[in-house]
Amino acid sequence: MHADLFQEDIKLSLNNVLLVPLSYEHEQGLIEATKDGELWNLRITSAPHYSNVKSYIETALKQKAEGSRFPFVVIEESTGKILGTSSYHDILMDVGRYEIGYTWYAQSVQRTHVNTTCKLLLLEYAFERLDALTVGLRTDQFNFKSQRAIERLGAKKDGVIRGHALRKDGTIRDTVMYSIIKGEWSNVKAHLQDLLASHSK
């Protein structure tokens, strides 16, 4: 694995948003985040039921140990309040590909600057520190809110993988795939900075 990625002291921060590596100490904060909006009722997201947060963290850390995922917790820097989580996943070192996903936030910070800030931080780290060639994003075919959010970032739609994965309720989903390639990063970065500037006005 890329040595820089798995350093435990990674701290990414901007606009009062802090990303640090996920650990069991974040369990209670993530439980409160899932209760904010009862996120487990959304069958098209990865947010777990509050009673399953510990096993969610356990799975994420197991995948981290296997080298396929690097999970972060999202924190409001000024208060220490946990807002949600996001990960690099499906990491393919030989082709320089990282995906950003397993992302969910407390309902109270949805449609704020938080997601755009997190995406800027994770994309910047991937392209500028990890030498990524491609960063992918994926979502459920019926998660139109997520599709709009990904497209708003400037990612390009690659296509749809049909019959791709199980949802939490046991139904099978089609997955919409997006990506940003290295040559697009400078324009995407400027676009995200403009979006955040408009949020602060």
N, C-alpha and C. Protein backbone atom coordinates (compact mmCIF):
# COMPACT_ATOMS: atom_id res chain seq x y z
N MET A 1 0.84 -1.19 0.00
CA MET A 1 0.00 0.00 0.00
C MET A 1 0.87 1.24 0.00
N HIS A 2 0.30 2.36 -0.43
CA HIS A 2 1.01 3.63 -0.41
C HIS A 2 1.27 4.01 1.04
N ALA A 3 2.54 4.19 1.39
CA ALA A 3 2.90 4.40 2.80
C ALA A 3 2.19 5.62 3.39
N ASP A 4 2.06 6.69 2.61
CA ASP A 4 1.46 7.92 3.13
C ASP A 4 0.01 7.69 3.55
N LEU A 5 -0.70 6.84 2.82
CA LEU A 5 -2.13 6.69 3.07
C LEU A 5 -2.40 6.09 4.43
N PHE A 6 -1.59 5.14 4.86
CA PHE A 6 -1.91 4.40 6.07
C PHE A 6 -1.18 4.91 7.30
N GLN A 7 -0.69 6.15 7.23
CA GLN A 7 -0.18 6.80 8.42
C GLN A 7 -1.37 7.15 9.31
N GLU A 8 -1.27 6.81 10.56
CA GLU A 8 -2.40 7.03 11.47
C GLU A 8 -2.58 8.50 11.84
N ASP A 9 -1.60 9.34 11.57
CA ASP A 9 -1.70 10.73 12.00
C ASP A 9 -2.25 11.65 10.92
N ILE A 10 -2.87 11.10 9.88
CA ILE A 10 -3.47 11.93 8.85
C ILE A 10 -4.55 12.80 9.48
N LYS A 11 -4.43 14.10 9.25
CA LYS A 11 -5.47 15.04 9.66
C LYS A 11 -5.69 16.00 8.51
N LEU A 12 -6.90 16.01 7.98
CA LEU A 12 -7.26 16.90 6.89
C LEU A 12 -8.29 17.88 7.41
N SER A 13 -8.03 19.18 7.26
CA SER A 13 -8.98 20.14 7.82
C SER A 13 -9.13 21.37 6.93
N LEU A 14 -10.35 21.89 6.93
CA LEU A 14 -10.70 23.09 6.17
C LEU A 14 -12.11 23.50 6.60
N ASN A 15 -12.36 24.79 6.70
CA ASN A 15 -13.71 25.30 6.96
C ASN A 15 -14.38 24.69 8.18
N ASN A 16 -13.61 24.51 9.25
CA ASN A 16 -14.13 23.95 10.50
C ASN A 16 -14.54 22.48 10.36
N VAL A 17 -14.05 21.81 9.32
CA VAL A 17 -14.31 20.39 9.12
C VAL A 17 -12.97 19.66 9.24
N LEU A 18 -12.94 18.62 10.05
CA LEU A 18 -11.72 17.84 10.29
C LEU A 18 -11.98 16.38 9.96
N LEU A 19 -11.08 15.77 9.19
CA LEU A 19 -11.14 14.34 8.92
C LEU A 19 -9.94 13.68 9.56
N VAL A 20 -10.22 12.65 10.38
CA VAL A 20 -9.15 11.86 11.00
C VAL A 20 -9.51 10.39 10.83
N PRO A 21 -8.52 9.50 10.96
CA PRO A 21 -8.81 8.07 10.79
C PRO A 21 -9.86 7.58 11.78
N LEU A 22 -10.79 6.79 11.29
CA LEU A 22 -11.87 6.23 12.10
C LEU A 22 -11.31 5.22 13.11
N SER A 23 -11.86 5.25 14.33
CA SER A 23 -11.49 4.26 15.34
C SER A 23 -12.71 3.99 16.23
N TYR A 24 -12.57 3.02 17.12
CA TYR A 24 -13.68 2.66 18.02
C TYR A 24 -14.05 3.81 18.95
N GLU A 25 -13.12 4.73 19.20
CA GLU A 25 -13.44 5.84 20.11
C GLU A 25 -14.50 6.78 19.52
N HIS A 26 -14.77 6.63 18.22
CA HIS A 26 -15.76 7.48 17.57
C HIS A 26 -17.16 6.86 17.57
N GLU A 27 -17.30 5.69 18.22
CA GLU A 27 -18.57 4.96 18.14
C GLU A 27 -19.76 5.80 18.63
N GLN A 28 -19.65 6.39 19.81
CA GLN A 28 -20.80 7.10 20.37
C GLN A 28 -21.18 8.30 19.51
N GLY A 29 -20.17 9.01 19.01
CA GLY A 29 -20.45 10.16 18.16
C GLY A 29 -21.14 9.77 16.86
N LEU A 30 -20.75 8.63 16.30
CA LEU A 30 -21.40 8.16 15.08
C LEU A 30 -22.82 7.67 15.36
N ILE A 31 -23.03 7.09 16.54
CA ILE A 31 -24.39 6.70 16.92
C ILE A 31 -25.30 7.94 16.93
N GLU A 32 -24.81 9.01 17.53
CA GLU A 32 -25.61 10.25 17.58
C GLU A 32 -25.83 10.80 16.17
N ALA A 33 -24.82 10.68 15.31
CA ALA A 33 -24.97 11.18 13.93
C ALA A 33 -26.03 10.39 13.17
N THR A 34 -26.08 9.08 13.38
CA THR A 34 -27.09 8.29 12.66
C THR A 34 -28.49 8.60 13.18
N LYS A 35 -28.61 8.93 14.46
CA LYS A 35 -29.91 9.27 15.04
C LYS A 35 -30.42 10.62 14.53
N ASP A 36 -29.49 11.48 14.10
CA ASP A 36 -29.85 12.79 13.56
C ASP A 36 -30.41 12.59 12.15
N GLY A 37 -31.73 12.38 12.07
CA GLY A 37 -32.37 12.11 10.78
C GLY A 37 -32.73 10.66 10.58
N GLU A 38 -32.43 9.81 11.60
CA GLU A 38 -32.72 8.37 11.50
C GLU A 38 -32.23 7.81 10.16
N LEU A 39 -30.92 7.96 9.96
CA LEU A 39 -30.32 7.66 8.65
C LEU A 39 -30.49 6.20 8.24
N TRP A 40 -30.66 5.31 9.23
CA TRP A 40 -30.79 3.89 8.89
C TRP A 40 -32.04 3.59 8.08
N ASN A 41 -33.00 4.50 8.10
CA ASN A 41 -34.23 4.29 7.32
C ASN A 41 -34.04 4.53 5.83
N LEU A 42 -32.90 5.09 5.46
CA LEU A 42 -32.62 5.33 4.04
C LEU A 42 -31.97 4.08 3.47
N ARG A 43 -32.72 3.31 2.72
CA ARG A 43 -32.21 2.01 2.25
C ARG A 43 -31.15 2.16 1.17
N ILE A 44 -31.05 3.37 0.60
CA ILE A 44 -30.10 3.57 -0.51
C ILE A 44 -28.80 4.22 -0.05
N THR A 45 -28.56 4.26 1.26
CA THR A 45 -27.27 4.74 1.76
C THR A 45 -26.61 3.66 2.60
N SER A 46 -25.35 3.89 2.95
CA SER A 46 -24.60 2.91 3.74
C SER A 46 -24.70 3.17 5.24
N ALA A 47 -25.45 4.18 5.65
CA ALA A 47 -25.54 4.50 7.08
C ALA A 47 -26.19 3.34 7.84
N PRO A 48 -25.55 2.89 8.92
CA PRO A 48 -26.10 1.76 9.68
C PRO A 48 -27.13 2.21 10.70
N HIS A 49 -27.90 1.24 11.21
CA HIS A 49 -28.76 1.49 12.37
C HIS A 49 -27.86 1.83 13.56
N TYR A 50 -28.33 2.69 14.45
CA TYR A 50 -27.47 3.11 15.56
C TYR A 50 -26.97 1.93 16.40
N SER A 51 -27.74 0.84 16.43
CA SER A 51 -27.31 -0.33 17.20
C SER A 51 -26.22 -1.13 16.49
N ASN A 52 -25.98 -0.81 15.22
CA ASN A 52 -24.97 -1.55 14.44
C ASN A 52 -23.71 -0.74 14.16
N VAL A 53 -23.58 0.41 14.80
CA VAL A 53 -22.43 1.28 14.51
C VAL A 53 -21.11 0.59 14.86
N LYS A 54 -21.07 -0.13 15.99
CA LYS A 54 -19.82 -0.80 16.38
C LYS A 54 -19.39 -1.82 15.32
N SER A 55 -20.33 -2.60 14.81
CA SER A 55 -19.97 -3.58 13.78
C SER A 55 -19.61 -2.89 12.46
N TYR A 56 -20.22 -1.73 12.20
CA TYR A 56 -19.86 -0.94 11.01
C TYR A 56 -18.39 -0.51 11.11
N ILE A 57 -18.00 -0.02 12.29
CA ILE A 57 -16.60 0.38 12.49
C ILE A 57 -15.69 -0.84 12.38
N GLU A 58 -16.10 -1.96 12.97
CA GLU A 58 -15.31 -3.19 12.92
C GLU A 58 -15.05 -3.62 11.48
N THR A 59 -16.09 -3.58 10.65
CA THR A 59 -15.93 -3.94 9.23
C THR A 59 -14.98 -2.99 8.53
N ALA A 60 -15.14 -1.69 8.79
CA ALA A 60 -14.28 -0.69 8.15
C ALA A 60 -12.82 -0.90 8.53
N LEU A 61 -12.57 -1.20 9.79
CA LEU A 61 -11.18 -1.39 10.25
C LEU A 61 -10.61 -2.71 9.73
N LYS A 62 -11.45 -3.72 9.58
CA LYS A 62 -11.00 -4.98 8.98
C LYS A 62 -10.59 -4.75 7.52
N GLN A 63 -11.39 -3.99 6.79
CA GLN A 63 -11.05 -3.69 5.40
C GLN A 63 -9.79 -2.83 5.32
N LYS A 64 -9.62 -1.96 6.31
CA LYS A 64 -8.38 -1.17 6.37
C LYS A 64 -7.17 -2.08 6.55
N ALA A 65 -7.29 -3.05 7.45
CA ALA A 65 -6.18 -3.98 7.70
C ALA A 65 -5.86 -4.80 6.46
N GLU A 66 -6.89 -5.07 5.65
CA GLU A 66 -6.69 -5.82 4.42
C GLU A 66 -6.14 -4.95 3.28
N GLY A 67 -6.15 -3.65 3.47
CA GLY A 67 -5.58 -2.74 2.48
C GLY A 67 -6.53 -2.26 1.41
N SER A 68 -7.84 -2.49 1.59
CA SER A 68 -8.78 -2.10 0.54
C SER A 68 -9.56 -0.84 0.88
N ARG A 69 -9.41 -0.35 2.12
CA ARG A 69 -10.22 0.79 2.54
C ARG A 69 -9.46 1.61 3.58
N PHE A 70 -9.66 2.93 3.55
CA PHE A 70 -9.13 3.78 4.60
C PHE A 70 -10.26 4.69 5.08
N PRO A 71 -10.87 4.38 6.24
CA PRO A 71 -12.04 5.12 6.71
C PRO A 71 -11.67 6.33 7.56
N PHE A 72 -12.42 7.40 7.38
CA PHE A 72 -12.27 8.62 8.16
C PHE A 72 -13.56 8.90 8.91
N VAL A 73 -13.42 9.62 10.01
CA VAL A 73 -14.58 10.21 10.68
C VAL A 73 -14.53 11.71 10.41
N VAL A 74 -15.72 12.31 10.23
CA VAL A 74 -15.84 13.73 9.93
C VAL A 74 -16.28 14.44 11.20
N ILE A 75 -15.51 15.46 11.60
CA ILE A 75 -15.71 16.13 12.89
C ILE A 75 -15.85 17.63 12.67
N GLU A 76 -16.76 18.25 13.43
CA GLU A 76 -16.81 19.71 13.48
C GLU A 76 -15.66 20.16 14.37
N GLU A 77 -14.68 20.83 13.78
CA GLU A 77 -13.41 21.05 14.46
C GLU A 77 -13.57 21.90 15.72
N SER A 78 -14.44 22.89 15.69
CA SER A 78 -14.56 23.82 16.81
C SER A 78 -15.21 23.19 18.04
N THR A 79 -16.05 22.18 17.83
CA THR A 79 -16.79 21.58 18.95
C THR A 79 -16.40 20.14 19.24
N GLY A 80 -15.78 19.47 18.27
CA GLY A 80 -15.48 18.04 18.42
C GLY A 80 -16.65 17.15 18.09
N LYS A 81 -17.77 17.73 17.67
CA LYS A 81 -18.95 16.93 17.36
C LYS A 81 -18.73 16.11 16.10
N ILE A 82 -19.09 14.83 16.14
CA ILE A 82 -18.93 13.95 14.99
C ILE A 82 -20.13 14.13 14.05
N LEU A 83 -19.81 14.39 12.79
CA LEU A 83 -20.83 14.70 11.79
C LEU A 83 -21.14 13.54 10.86
N GLY A 84 -20.20 12.60 10.72
CA GLY A 84 -20.41 11.49 9.80
C GLY A 84 -19.10 10.80 9.47
N THR A 85 -19.07 10.16 8.33
CA THR A 85 -17.89 9.38 7.96
C THR A 85 -17.75 9.29 6.44
N SER A 86 -16.54 9.04 5.99
CA SER A 86 -16.26 8.82 4.57
C SER A 86 -14.99 7.99 4.47
N SER A 87 -14.79 7.35 3.33
CA SER A 87 -13.64 6.45 3.18
C SER A 87 -13.06 6.53 1.78
N TYR A 88 -11.77 6.24 1.68
CA TYR A 88 -11.21 5.73 0.43
C TYR A 88 -11.51 4.23 0.43
N HIS A 89 -11.89 3.68 -0.71
CA HIS A 89 -12.15 2.24 -0.76
C HIS A 89 -11.88 1.71 -2.17
N ASP A 90 -11.93 0.41 -2.31
CA ASP A 90 -11.61 -0.25 -3.58
C ASP A 90 -10.32 0.33 -4.15
N ILE A 91 -9.30 0.34 -3.30
CA ILE A 91 -8.01 0.95 -3.65
C ILE A 91 -7.24 0.00 -4.56
N LEU A 92 -6.88 0.49 -5.73
CA LEU A 92 -6.12 -0.29 -6.71
C LEU A 92 -4.79 0.42 -6.94
N MET A 93 -3.79 0.03 -6.16
CA MET A 93 -2.51 0.74 -6.20
C MET A 93 -1.81 0.63 -7.54
N ASP A 94 -1.96 -0.53 -8.21
CA ASP A 94 -1.20 -0.74 -9.45
C ASP A 94 -1.66 0.19 -10.58
N VAL A 95 -2.90 0.70 -10.50
CA VAL A 95 -3.37 1.63 -11.53
C VAL A 95 -3.66 3.01 -10.94
N GLY A 96 -3.26 3.23 -9.70
CA GLY A 96 -3.42 4.54 -9.08
C GLY A 96 -4.87 4.98 -8.94
N ARG A 97 -5.74 4.03 -8.59
CA ARG A 97 -7.17 4.34 -8.48
C ARG A 97 -7.65 4.23 -7.03
N TYR A 98 -8.34 5.26 -6.60
CA TYR A 98 -8.99 5.28 -5.29
C TYR A 98 -10.45 5.64 -5.52
N GLU A 99 -11.33 5.05 -4.75
CA GLU A 99 -12.71 5.52 -4.75
C GLU A 99 -13.00 6.21 -3.43
N ILE A 100 -13.93 7.16 -3.46
CA ILE A 100 -14.40 7.82 -2.26
C ILE A 100 -15.85 7.41 -2.05
N GLY A 101 -16.13 6.85 -0.89
CA GLY A 101 -17.48 6.39 -0.64
C GLY A 101 -17.70 6.03 0.81
N TYR A 102 -18.71 5.20 1.08
CA TYR A 102 -19.15 4.91 2.45
C TYR A 102 -19.35 6.25 3.18
N THR A 103 -19.95 7.19 2.48
CA THR A 103 -20.09 8.55 3.00
C THR A 103 -21.51 8.79 3.49
N TRP A 104 -21.63 9.24 4.71
CA TRP A 104 -22.93 9.68 5.23
C TRP A 104 -22.71 10.69 6.34
N TYR A 105 -23.69 11.59 6.44
CA TYR A 105 -23.61 12.68 7.41
C TYR A 105 -24.93 12.81 8.17
N ALA A 106 -24.83 13.31 9.39
CA ALA A 106 -26.02 13.67 10.15
C ALA A 106 -26.91 14.58 9.31
N GLN A 107 -28.21 14.38 9.40
CA GLN A 107 -29.12 15.15 8.56
C GLN A 107 -28.95 16.66 8.72
N SER A 108 -28.60 17.09 9.93
CA SER A 108 -28.50 18.53 10.20
C SER A 108 -27.38 19.21 9.43
N VAL A 109 -26.41 18.45 8.91
CA VAL A 109 -25.33 19.08 8.14
C VAL A 109 -25.40 18.71 6.65
N GLN A 110 -26.44 17.98 6.27
CA GLN A 110 -26.64 17.73 4.84
C GLN A 110 -27.07 19.03 4.16
N ARG A 111 -26.68 19.21 2.91
CA ARG A 111 -26.98 20.42 2.15
C ARG A 111 -26.30 21.65 2.75
N THR A 112 -25.16 21.41 3.43
CA THR A 112 -24.31 22.50 3.89
C THR A 112 -22.97 22.37 3.17
N HIS A 113 -21.98 23.12 3.63
CA HIS A 113 -20.65 23.06 3.00
C HIS A 113 -19.89 21.79 3.36
N VAL A 114 -20.41 20.98 4.29
CA VAL A 114 -19.62 19.86 4.84
C VAL A 114 -19.23 18.86 3.76
N ASN A 115 -20.17 18.39 2.95
CA ASN A 115 -19.82 17.38 1.95
C ASN A 115 -18.83 17.93 0.92
N THR A 116 -19.06 19.14 0.44
CA THR A 116 -18.14 19.73 -0.54
C THR A 116 -16.75 19.87 0.05
N THR A 117 -16.68 20.29 1.31
CA THR A 117 -15.39 20.43 1.98
C THR A 117 -14.68 19.08 2.10
N CYS A 118 -15.43 18.05 2.51
CA CYS A 118 -14.83 16.72 2.64
C CYS A 118 -14.33 16.21 1.30
N LYS A 119 -15.12 16.40 0.26
CA LYS A 119 -14.71 15.92 -1.06
C LYS A 119 -13.46 16.66 -1.53
N LEU A 120 -13.39 17.98 -1.30
CA LEU A 120 -12.19 18.73 -1.68
C LEU A 120 -10.97 18.19 -0.94
N LEU A 121 -11.10 17.96 0.36
CA LEU A 121 -9.97 17.45 1.15
C LEU A 121 -9.53 16.07 0.67
N LEU A 122 -10.48 15.18 0.43
CA LEU A 122 -10.13 13.81 0.03
C LEU A 122 -9.59 13.75 -1.40
N LEU A 123 -10.16 14.53 -2.28
CA LEU A 123 -9.65 14.57 -3.65
C LEU A 123 -8.26 15.19 -3.69
N GLU A 124 -8.08 16.26 -2.94
CA GLU A 124 -6.77 16.93 -2.90
C GLU A 124 -5.70 15.99 -2.37
N TYR A 125 -6.02 15.27 -1.30
CA TYR A 125 -5.04 14.33 -0.73
C TYR A 125 -4.73 13.22 -1.72
N ALA A 126 -5.77 12.72 -2.40
CA ALA A 126 -5.56 11.63 -3.35
C ALA A 126 -4.69 12.06 -4.53
N PHE A 127 -5.03 13.19 -5.13
CA PHE A 127 -4.30 13.61 -6.33
C PHE A 127 -2.94 14.24 -6.02
N GLU A 128 -2.83 14.96 -4.91
CA GLU A 128 -1.62 15.73 -4.64
C GLU A 128 -0.66 15.06 -3.67
N ARG A 129 -1.13 14.11 -2.89
CA ARG A 129 -0.24 13.42 -1.96
C ARG A 129 -0.07 11.94 -2.32
N LEU A 130 -1.11 11.33 -2.82
CA LEU A 130 -1.05 9.90 -3.12
C LEU A 130 -0.79 9.62 -4.60
N ASP A 131 -0.67 10.69 -5.39
CA ASP A 131 -0.40 10.55 -6.84
C ASP A 131 -1.44 9.70 -7.54
N ALA A 132 -2.69 9.86 -7.16
CA ALA A 132 -3.79 9.14 -7.82
C ALA A 132 -3.88 9.53 -9.28
N LEU A 133 -4.20 8.57 -10.11
CA LEU A 133 -4.48 8.84 -11.52
C LEU A 133 -5.98 8.97 -11.76
N THR A 134 -6.76 8.24 -10.95
CA THR A 134 -8.22 8.27 -11.06
C THR A 134 -8.83 8.19 -9.67
N VAL A 135 -9.85 9.00 -9.44
CA VAL A 135 -10.65 8.88 -8.22
C VAL A 135 -12.09 8.60 -8.65
N GLY A 136 -12.64 7.50 -8.16
CA GLY A 136 -13.99 7.10 -8.51
C GLY A 136 -14.98 7.40 -7.40
N LEU A 137 -16.23 7.56 -7.79
CA LEU A 137 -17.34 7.70 -6.84
C LEU A 137 -18.49 6.87 -7.38
N ARG A 138 -19.28 6.30 -6.50
CA ARG A 138 -20.39 5.45 -6.95
C ARG A 138 -21.60 5.70 -6.06
N THR A 139 -22.76 5.40 -6.60
CA THR A 139 -23.98 5.54 -5.80
C THR A 139 -25.08 4.66 -6.36
N ASP A 140 -26.12 4.49 -5.58
CA ASP A 140 -27.28 3.70 -5.97
C ASP A 140 -28.02 4.38 -7.12
N GLN A 141 -28.55 3.58 -8.02
CA GLN A 141 -29.29 4.12 -9.16
C GLN A 141 -30.47 4.99 -8.73
N PHE A 142 -31.01 4.72 -7.52
CA PHE A 142 -32.17 5.47 -7.04
C PHE A 142 -31.78 6.58 -6.05
N ASN A 143 -30.50 6.74 -5.80
CA ASN A 143 -30.07 7.83 -4.91
C ASN A 143 -29.80 9.07 -5.77
N PHE A 144 -30.89 9.70 -6.19
CA PHE A 144 -30.77 10.83 -7.11
C PHE A 144 -30.10 12.03 -6.45
N LYS A 145 -30.32 12.18 -5.15
CA LYS A 145 -29.67 13.26 -4.40
C LYS A 145 -28.15 13.11 -4.46
N SER A 146 -27.67 11.88 -4.25
CA SER A 146 -26.24 11.61 -4.30
C SER A 146 -25.70 11.80 -5.71
N GLN A 147 -26.45 11.35 -6.71
CA GLN A 147 -26.00 11.54 -8.10
C GLN A 147 -25.84 13.01 -8.43
N ARG A 148 -26.80 13.83 -8.01
CA ARG A 148 -26.71 15.27 -8.26
C ARG A 148 -25.50 15.87 -7.55
N ALA A 149 -25.26 15.40 -6.31
CA ALA A 149 -24.13 15.92 -5.54
C ALA A 149 -22.80 15.56 -6.20
N ILE A 150 -22.69 14.33 -6.70
CA ILE A 150 -21.45 13.89 -7.36
C ILE A 150 -21.25 14.67 -8.65
N GLU A 151 -22.31 14.83 -9.41
CA GLU A 151 -22.19 15.58 -10.67
C GLU A 151 -21.84 17.04 -10.40
N ARG A 152 -22.34 17.57 -9.29
CA ARG A 152 -22.04 18.96 -8.93
C ARG A 152 -20.56 19.15 -8.60
N LEU A 153 -19.90 18.08 -8.17
CA LEU A 153 -18.46 18.15 -7.90
C LEU A 153 -17.65 18.31 -9.19
N GLY A 154 -18.23 17.88 -10.31
CA GLY A 154 -17.50 17.92 -11.57
C GLY A 154 -17.05 16.55 -12.04
N ALA A 155 -17.50 15.48 -11.37
CA ALA A 155 -17.15 14.13 -11.80
C ALA A 155 -17.92 13.75 -13.07
N LYS A 156 -17.32 12.90 -13.87
CA LYS A 156 -17.94 12.42 -15.11
C LYS A 156 -18.59 11.05 -14.87
N LYS A 157 -19.74 10.85 -15.46
CA LYS A 157 -20.44 9.57 -15.33
C LYS A 157 -19.81 8.55 -16.26
N ASP A 158 -19.37 7.43 -15.68
CA ASP A 158 -18.75 6.36 -16.46
C ASP A 158 -19.80 5.39 -17.00
N GLY A 159 -20.86 5.18 -16.24
CA GLY A 159 -21.88 4.24 -16.67
C GLY A 159 -22.57 3.59 -15.48
N VAL A 160 -23.34 2.56 -15.76
CA VAL A 160 -24.12 1.87 -14.74
C VAL A 160 -23.74 0.39 -14.74
N ILE A 161 -23.44 -0.13 -13.56
CA ILE A 161 -23.20 -1.57 -13.40
C ILE A 161 -24.50 -2.18 -12.89
N ARG A 162 -25.11 -3.01 -13.70
CA ARG A 162 -26.41 -3.56 -13.35
C ARG A 162 -26.27 -4.79 -12.45
N GLY A 163 -27.23 -4.94 -11.52
CA GLY A 163 -27.20 -6.09 -10.61
C GLY A 163 -25.91 -6.17 -9.83
N HIS A 164 -25.49 -5.04 -9.24
CA HIS A 164 -24.12 -4.93 -8.75
C HIS A 164 -23.92 -5.24 -7.28
N ALA A 165 -24.89 -4.87 -6.42
CA ALA A 165 -24.64 -5.00 -4.98
C ALA A 165 -25.96 -5.12 -4.22
N LEU A 166 -25.86 -5.68 -3.01
CA LEU A 166 -27.02 -5.78 -2.14
C LEU A 166 -27.21 -4.50 -1.35
N ARG A 167 -28.45 -4.06 -1.25
CA ARG A 167 -28.78 -2.98 -0.34
C ARG A 167 -28.98 -3.56 1.05
N LYS A 168 -29.13 -2.66 2.04
CA LYS A 168 -29.34 -3.09 3.42
C LYS A 168 -30.61 -3.94 3.57
N ASP A 169 -31.61 -3.66 2.72
CA ASP A 169 -32.88 -4.39 2.85
C ASP A 169 -32.90 -5.69 2.06
N GLY A 170 -31.77 -6.05 1.44
CA GLY A 170 -31.67 -7.32 0.71
C GLY A 170 -32.00 -7.22 -0.76
N THR A 171 -32.51 -6.06 -1.22
CA THR A 171 -32.75 -5.90 -2.66
C THR A 171 -31.42 -5.67 -3.37
N ILE A 172 -31.43 -5.92 -4.67
CA ILE A 172 -30.20 -5.80 -5.46
C ILE A 172 -30.23 -4.47 -6.22
N ARG A 173 -29.14 -3.74 -6.13
CA ARG A 173 -29.10 -2.43 -6.75
C ARG A 173 -28.25 -2.42 -8.00
N ASP A 174 -28.58 -1.49 -8.90
CA ASP A 174 -27.68 -1.08 -9.97
C ASP A 174 -26.85 0.07 -9.42
N THR A 175 -25.58 0.14 -9.80
CA THR A 175 -24.66 1.15 -9.28
C THR A 175 -24.25 2.10 -10.39
N VAL A 176 -24.39 3.40 -10.12
CA VAL A 176 -23.96 4.43 -11.06
C VAL A 176 -22.52 4.81 -10.71
N MET A 177 -21.62 4.71 -11.68
CA MET A 177 -20.19 4.95 -11.47
C MET A 177 -19.77 6.29 -12.07
N TYR A 178 -18.96 7.02 -11.33
CA TYR A 178 -18.40 8.30 -11.75
C TYR A 178 -16.90 8.29 -11.52
N SER A 179 -16.20 9.22 -12.18
CA SER A 179 -14.77 9.34 -11.92
C SER A 179 -14.27 10.75 -12.27
N ILE A 180 -13.14 11.05 -11.67
CA ILE A 180 -12.34 12.23 -11.99
C ILE A 180 -10.94 11.73 -12.27
N ILE A 181 -10.35 12.16 -13.38
CA ILE A 181 -8.99 11.74 -13.69
C ILE A 181 -8.00 12.88 -13.42
N LYS A 182 -6.74 12.52 -13.32
CA LYS A 182 -5.72 13.47 -12.87
C LYS A 182 -5.70 14.75 -13.70
N GLY A 183 -5.88 14.62 -15.00
CA GLY A 183 -5.84 15.79 -15.87
C GLY A 183 -7.00 16.76 -15.65
N GLU A 184 -8.05 16.29 -14.99
CA GLU A 184 -9.22 17.13 -14.71
C GLU A 184 -9.14 17.79 -13.34
N TRP A 185 -8.19 17.37 -12.53
CA TRP A 185 -8.19 17.77 -11.13
C TRP A 185 -8.07 19.27 -10.93
N SER A 186 -7.20 19.96 -11.65
CA SER A 186 -7.01 21.39 -11.42
C SER A 186 -8.30 22.16 -11.65
N ASN A 187 -9.06 21.80 -12.68
CA ASN A 187 -10.34 22.46 -12.93
C ASN A 187 -11.37 22.11 -11.87
N VAL A 188 -11.41 20.83 -11.48
CA VAL A 188 -12.36 20.41 -10.45
C VAL A 188 -12.04 21.10 -9.13
N LYS A 189 -10.76 21.20 -8.80
CA LYS A 189 -10.36 21.86 -7.55
C LYS A 189 -10.82 23.31 -7.53
N ALA A 190 -10.59 24.03 -8.62
CA ALA A 190 -11.01 25.42 -8.70
C ALA A 190 -12.53 25.54 -8.58
N HIS A 191 -13.24 24.60 -9.19
CA HIS A 191 -14.70 24.59 -9.13
C HIS A 191 -15.18 24.37 -7.69
N LEU A 192 -14.57 23.43 -6.98
CA LEU A 192 -14.96 23.17 -5.60
C LEU A 192 -14.66 24.37 -4.70
N GLN A 193 -13.53 25.01 -4.93
CA GLN A 193 -13.19 26.22 -4.16
C GLN A 193 -14.20 27.33 -4.41
N ASP A 194 -14.66 27.44 -5.65
CA ASP A 194 -15.69 28.44 -5.97
C ASP A 194 -17.01 28.10 -5.26
N LEU A 195 -17.38 26.81 -5.26
CA LEU A 195 -18.61 26.40 -4.58
C LEU A 195 -18.53 26.75 -3.08
N LEU A 196 -17.38 26.49 -2.47
CA LEU A 196 -17.23 26.76 -1.04
C LEU A 196 -17.23 28.26 -0.77
N ALA A 197 -16.66 29.03 -1.67
CA ALA A 197 -16.67 30.49 -1.50
C ALA A 197 -18.10 31.02 -1.54
N SER A 198 -18.90 30.45 -2.40
CA SER A 198 -20.30 30.89 -2.51
C SER A 198 -21.10 30.48 -1.27
N HIS A 199 -20.72 29.36 -0.65
CA HIS A 199 -21.39 28.92 0.60
C HIS A 199 -21.15 29.93 1.72
N SER A 200 -19.95 30.52 1.73
CA SER A 200 -19.57 31.38 2.87
C SER A 200 -20.10 32.79 2.75
N LYS A 201 -20.72 33.12 1.62
CA LYS A 201 -21.23 34.49 1.42
C LYS A 201 -22.58 34.66 2.08
